[in-house]
Amino acid sequence: MQDRIEITVTDGVADVRLVRSDKMNALDAAMFKAIEEAGEQLRNDPSVRVAVLSGEGKAFCAGLDMANFAAMAEGGKSSEHKGGAKAVPKTLAERTHGIANQPQYAGWMWRELPMPVIAAVHGVALGGGLQVCLGADIRYAAPGTRLSVMEIKWGLVPDMAGTQLMRHLLRDDVVRELSYSGRIFTAEEALTMGLVTAVVEDPYEHAMTLARQIAGRNPDAIRANKRMFNAANYLSAEDGLMMESVEQDAIIGTPNQIEAVMAELEKRPAHFKD
């Protein structure tokens, strides 16, 4: 994983970096595998309260590696790549990662993680690269960052969970226009659409600042918040209201909730247990 993604955990904040900077962090078989492994590491580390996802070098992620498209042009044949996965699977309909296949999991995984994920995006986030950051809870982008639902350029549809993530972020007609055209748009336009949370000069530092704030909150409440917001996209109002009550019942009176109250009353930093 280290030649594709590096993770450093400090005071509850996981700094997750795509580090294939010589290829603008393009998605090859090894990168897909590394994303999967990163997800497992984060999910199994109770000390991680929030994660910041970023790309090293000139870009967040330029999308699918060009070698994959070359393989498609040859009729779908591909050689084995590092990580033991095919660059072009024989069938994408096979579910290999819960409700998803491996490419979809690269975008959807961030939504399934129990802790909030903040994406810091710069340079470009094209095609699959855009879909990876769409899985984050929050997205900060640098001015002038270029984004695109670019799959149509290669005669394809967005298939890394993009349709399921975009439909909750954008108007239906906007999703269709971006997907049908494949046009490149800027972070500033993405902000007006609702695709990014904010456009900031240094998205990484902005994300880390927020991450540290979140890491200082009751981790039980933060994780419950994420579960509720994830479910809210699919639940009826009746079930959503019930979920609020069930989650709150499970938190009220617990040691971390009591510590949050005492820290506030005593005007001191809280000391939560993971």
Protein backbone atom coordinates (compact mmCIF):
# COMPACT_ATOMS: atom_id res chain seq x y z
CA MET A 1 0.00 0.00 0.00
CA GLN A 2 2.85 2.39 0.83
CA ASP A 3 3.75 3.06 -2.81
CA ARG A 4 0.18 4.23 -3.49
CA ILE A 5 -1.28 5.49 -0.18
CA GLU A 6 0.35 6.62 3.05
CA ILE A 7 -1.53 6.98 6.35
CA THR A 8 -0.33 8.87 9.41
CA VAL A 9 -2.51 9.06 12.53
CA THR A 10 -1.98 11.93 15.00
CA ASP A 11 -4.33 12.77 17.88
CA GLY A 12 -7.25 10.96 16.30
CA VAL A 13 -6.78 12.45 12.82
CA ALA A 14 -5.75 10.12 9.99
CA ASP A 15 -3.82 11.89 7.23
CA VAL A 16 -4.53 9.72 4.16
CA ARG A 17 -2.49 10.64 1.09
CA LEU A 18 -2.51 9.27 -2.44
CA VAL A 19 1.21 9.20 -3.22
CA ARG A 20 1.46 8.15 -6.87
CA SER A 21 2.39 11.72 -7.68
CA ASP A 22 4.43 10.85 -10.80
CA LYS A 23 1.15 9.73 -12.42
CA MET A 24 -1.03 12.44 -10.84
CA ASN A 25 -2.35 9.72 -8.51
CA ALA A 26 -4.08 7.93 -11.38
CA LEU A 27 -6.08 4.82 -10.55
CA ASP A 28 -4.40 1.56 -11.53
CA ALA A 29 -4.95 -1.91 -10.08
CA ALA A 30 -2.45 -1.28 -7.30
CA MET A 31 -4.18 1.99 -6.35
CA PHE A 32 -7.58 0.29 -6.18
CA LYS A 33 -6.09 -2.36 -3.93
CA ALA A 34 -4.38 0.28 -1.79
CA ILE A 35 -7.65 2.17 -1.30
CA GLU A 36 -9.27 -1.06 -0.15
CA GLU A 37 -6.42 -1.73 2.28
CA ALA A 38 -6.53 1.85 3.56
CA GLY A 39 -10.23 1.45 4.30
CA GLU A 40 -9.61 -1.72 6.29
CA GLN A 41 -6.85 -0.04 8.28
CA LEU A 42 -9.01 2.97 9.12
CA ARG A 43 -12.08 0.87 9.94
CA ASN A 44 -10.11 -1.33 12.34
CA ASP A 45 -8.31 1.49 14.17
CA PRO A 46 -10.55 2.78 17.00
CA SER A 47 -8.17 5.69 17.62
CA VAL A 48 -9.12 7.29 14.27
CA ARG A 49 -11.92 9.82 14.82
CA VAL A 50 -11.72 11.60 11.47
CA ALA A 51 -9.78 11.15 8.21
CA VAL A 52 -8.42 13.71 5.74
CA LEU A 53 -8.03 12.42 2.18
CA SER A 54 -5.67 14.25 -0.18
CA GLY A 55 -3.38 13.72 -3.14
CA GLU A 56 0.35 14.37 -3.22
CA GLY A 57 1.92 16.40 -6.01
CA LYS A 58 0.14 18.38 -8.72
CA ALA A 59 -3.30 16.79 -8.43
CA PHE A 60 -5.79 15.00 -6.23
CA CYS A 61 -6.43 12.26 -8.81
CA ALA A 62 -6.40 12.34 -12.62
CA GLY A 63 -8.77 9.36 -12.91
CA LEU A 64 -8.26 5.93 -14.40
CA ASP A 65 -4.74 5.08 -15.53
CA MET A 66 -4.33 5.36 -19.30
CA ALA A 67 -3.08 1.76 -19.45
CA ASN A 68 -6.59 0.63 -18.51
CA PHE A 69 -8.08 2.42 -21.51
CA ALA A 70 -5.43 0.90 -23.75
CA ALA A 71 -6.48 -2.53 -22.50
CA MET A 72 -10.11 -1.73 -23.32
CA ALA A 73 -9.12 -0.75 -26.85
CA GLU A 74 -7.55 -4.20 -27.20
CA GLY A 75 -10.85 -5.83 -26.38
CA GLY A 76 -10.63 -5.90 -22.61
CA LYS A 77 -7.37 -7.88 -22.37
CA SER A 78 -5.06 -6.83 -19.59
CA SER A 79 -1.98 -8.10 -17.87
CA GLU A 80 -1.64 -8.70 -14.17
CA HIS A 81 -0.67 -5.64 -12.16
CA LYS A 82 0.80 -5.25 -8.73
CA GLY A 83 -1.81 -6.17 -6.16
CA GLY A 84 -3.00 -9.25 -8.05
CA ALA A 85 -6.03 -7.58 -9.66
CA LYS A 86 -6.92 -7.25 -13.31
CA ALA A 87 -6.87 -3.72 -14.72
CA VAL A 88 -10.10 -4.49 -16.60
CA PRO A 89 -12.41 -6.98 -14.80
CA LYS A 90 -14.32 -9.46 -16.96
CA THR A 91 -17.62 -8.49 -15.33
CA LEU A 92 -18.42 -5.53 -13.12
CA ALA A 93 -21.79 -6.93 -12.08
CA GLU A 94 -20.10 -9.34 -9.69
CA ARG A 95 -20.35 -8.00 -6.13
CA THR A 96 -16.96 -8.34 -4.46
CA HIS A 97 -17.13 -5.69 -1.72
CA GLY A 98 -20.52 -5.86 -0.01
CA ILE A 99 -23.00 -4.03 -2.23
CA ALA A 100 -20.21 -2.90 -4.59
CA ASN A 101 -17.51 -4.15 -6.91
CA GLN A 102 -13.89 -3.07 -6.42
CA PRO A 103 -13.98 0.11 -8.56
CA GLN A 104 -17.25 1.22 -6.93
CA TYR A 105 -15.78 0.51 -3.51
CA ALA A 106 -13.00 3.04 -4.18
CA GLY A 107 -15.65 5.76 -4.09
CA TRP A 108 -18.27 4.21 -1.82
CA MET A 109 -15.85 3.01 0.86
CA TRP A 110 -15.31 6.48 2.33
CA ARG A 111 -19.06 6.75 2.92
CA GLU A 112 -19.11 3.37 4.71
CA LEU A 113 -16.25 4.18 7.08
CA PRO A 114 -17.54 4.91 10.61
CA MET A 115 -15.63 8.18 10.96
CA PRO A 116 -16.10 11.40 8.93
CA VAL A 117 -13.86 11.78 5.88
CA ILE A 118 -12.81 15.22 4.59
CA ALA A 119 -11.39 15.42 1.07
CA ALA A 120 -8.84 18.11 0.21
CA VAL A 121 -8.88 18.47 -3.57
CA HIS A 122 -6.47 20.38 -5.80
CA GLY A 123 -5.23 20.33 -9.38
CA VAL A 124 -7.66 17.90 -10.99
CA ALA A 125 -10.27 15.36 -9.93
CA LEU A 126 -11.32 13.74 -13.18
CA GLY A 127 -13.55 10.74 -13.85
CA GLY A 128 -12.74 8.13 -11.24
CA GLY A 129 -10.76 10.72 -9.30
CA LEU A 130 -13.90 12.81 -8.89
CA GLN A 131 -15.88 9.78 -7.79
CA VAL A 132 -13.30 8.91 -5.13
CA CYS A 133 -13.65 12.32 -3.48
CA LEU A 134 -17.46 12.25 -3.80
CA GLY A 135 -17.48 9.50 -1.18
CA ALA A 136 -16.11 11.92 1.43
CA ASP A 137 -18.46 13.62 3.89
CA ILE A 138 -17.00 17.05 3.12
CA ARG A 139 -14.97 18.33 0.15
CA TYR A 140 -12.71 21.39 0.16
CA ALA A 141 -11.21 22.42 -3.18
CA ALA A 142 -8.45 24.81 -4.18
CA PRO A 143 -9.30 27.72 -6.51
CA GLY A 144 -9.19 26.69 -10.14
CA THR A 145 -9.31 22.96 -9.44
CA ARG A 146 -10.68 21.18 -12.53
CA LEU A 147 -13.26 18.45 -12.21
CA SER A 148 -15.19 16.29 -14.63
CA VAL A 149 -17.55 13.35 -14.88
CA MET A 150 -15.30 12.32 -17.72
CA GLU A 151 -16.33 8.72 -18.47
CA ILE A 152 -18.34 9.64 -21.59
CA LYS A 153 -15.09 10.83 -23.21
CA TRP A 154 -14.08 7.17 -23.30
CA GLY A 155 -17.53 5.95 -24.31
CA LEU A 156 -18.39 4.88 -20.77
CA VAL A 157 -20.74 5.72 -17.90
CA PRO A 158 -19.69 6.78 -14.37
CA ASP A 159 -19.35 3.45 -12.58
CA MET A 160 -17.39 4.07 -9.38
CA ALA A 161 -20.50 4.83 -7.29
CA GLY A 162 -20.72 8.28 -8.90
CA THR A 163 -24.39 8.01 -9.85
CA GLN A 164 -25.41 7.06 -6.32
CA LEU A 165 -23.28 9.77 -4.71
CA MET A 166 -24.07 12.61 -7.14
CA ARG A 167 -27.84 12.11 -6.99
CA HIS A 168 -27.83 13.22 -3.37
CA LEU A 169 -25.57 16.23 -4.00
CA LEU A 170 -26.82 17.74 -7.26
CA ARG A 171 -30.07 18.40 -9.08
CA ASP A 172 -31.04 15.58 -11.42
CA ASP A 173 -30.68 17.71 -14.55
CA VAL A 174 -27.21 18.88 -13.48
CA VAL A 175 -26.03 15.30 -12.92
CA ARG A 176 -27.29 14.40 -16.37
CA GLU A 177 -25.68 17.42 -18.07
CA LEU A 178 -22.30 16.70 -16.50
CA SER A 179 -22.49 12.97 -17.28
CA TYR A 180 -23.75 13.37 -20.84
CA SER A 181 -21.21 16.06 -21.77
CA GLY A 182 -18.13 15.03 -19.80
CA ARG A 183 -17.16 18.70 -19.73
CA ILE A 184 -14.49 20.03 -17.39
CA PHE A 185 -15.69 22.53 -14.80
CA THR A 186 -13.92 24.47 -12.06
CA ALA A 187 -14.12 24.28 -8.29
CA GLU A 188 -15.91 27.62 -8.30
CA GLU A 189 -18.71 26.22 -10.48
CA ALA A 190 -18.74 23.03 -8.40
CA LEU A 191 -19.38 25.18 -5.34
CA THR A 192 -22.46 26.76 -6.92
CA MET A 193 -23.74 23.28 -7.80
CA GLY A 194 -23.19 21.93 -4.29
CA LEU A 195 -20.53 19.44 -5.36
CA VAL A 196 -17.86 20.94 -3.09
CA THR A 197 -18.32 22.33 0.41
CA ALA A 198 -16.04 25.34 -0.01
CA VAL A 199 -13.30 26.74 -2.24
CA VAL A 200 -10.27 27.63 -0.11
CA GLU A 201 -6.67 28.63 -0.83
CA ASP A 202 -5.20 25.65 1.04
CA PRO A 203 -7.76 22.83 1.15
CA TYR A 204 -5.41 20.47 2.98
CA GLU A 205 -4.78 22.85 5.88
CA HIS A 206 -8.46 23.80 5.94
CA ALA A 207 -9.41 20.13 6.12
CA MET A 208 -6.87 19.42 8.86
CA THR A 209 -8.15 22.33 10.95
CA LEU A 210 -11.71 21.04 10.77
CA ALA A 211 -10.52 17.48 11.38
CA ARG A 212 -8.82 18.51 14.62
CA GLN A 213 -12.02 20.22 15.75
CA ILE A 214 -14.07 17.11 14.99
CA ALA A 215 -11.51 14.89 16.73
CA GLY A 216 -12.09 16.95 19.88
CA ARG A 217 -15.82 16.10 19.94
CA ASN A 218 -17.54 13.06 21.44
CA PRO A 219 -16.56 10.30 18.96
CA ASP A 220 -19.71 8.32 19.79
CA ALA A 221 -21.90 11.25 18.72
CA ILE A 222 -19.82 11.95 15.61
CA ARG A 223 -20.13 8.35 14.42
CA ALA A 224 -23.84 8.31 15.19
CA ASN A 225 -24.21 11.52 13.17
CA LYS A 226 -22.54 9.87 10.19
CA ARG A 227 -24.78 6.81 10.43
CA MET A 228 -27.88 9.02 10.51
CA PHE A 229 -26.84 11.27 7.63
CA ASN A 230 -25.92 8.24 5.52
CA ALA A 231 -29.29 6.63 6.21
CA ALA A 232 -31.27 9.85 5.75
CA ASN A 233 -30.81 9.64 1.99
CA TYR A 234 -32.77 6.40 1.88
CA LEU A 235 -35.10 6.30 4.91
CA SER A 236 -38.68 7.52 5.12
CA ALA A 237 -39.34 10.44 7.46
CA GLU A 238 -40.87 8.03 9.96
CA ASP A 239 -37.84 5.74 9.98
CA GLY A 240 -35.45 8.71 10.02
CA LEU A 241 -37.09 10.22 13.09
CA MET A 242 -36.99 6.86 14.84
CA MET A 243 -33.30 6.49 14.02
CA GLU A 244 -32.59 9.87 15.65
CA SER A 245 -34.26 8.68 18.83
CA VAL A 246 -32.54 5.29 18.87
CA GLU A 247 -29.10 6.83 18.33
CA GLN A 248 -29.67 9.46 21.01
CA ASP A 249 -30.92 6.88 23.51
CA ALA A 250 -27.69 4.95 22.98
CA ILE A 251 -25.54 8.04 23.69
CA ILE A 252 -27.26 9.87 26.57
CA GLY A 253 -25.61 9.17 29.91
CA THR A 254 -22.59 7.35 28.50
CA PRO A 255 -19.11 8.26 29.82
CA ASN A 256 -18.16 10.19 26.68
CA GLN A 257 -21.41 12.15 26.68
CA ILE A 258 -21.00 13.03 30.37
CA GLU A 259 -17.39 14.05 29.68
CA ALA A 260 -18.61 16.39 26.90
CA VAL A 261 -20.95 18.10 29.35
CA MET A 262 -18.35 18.36 32.13
CA ALA A 263 -15.67 19.70 29.79
CA GLU A 264 -18.07 22.38 28.56
CA LEU A 265 -19.13 23.37 32.08
CA GLU A 266 -15.54 23.41 33.35
CA LYS A 267 -14.28 25.19 30.22
CA ARG A 268 -11.53 22.67 29.51
CA PRO A 269 -10.61 20.30 26.68
CA ALA A 270 -12.57 17.06 26.76
CA HIS A 271 -10.84 13.71 27.23
CA PHE A 272 -12.82 11.07 25.39
CA LYS A 273 -12.22 7.33 25.28
CA ASP A 274 -12.25 5.60 21.90
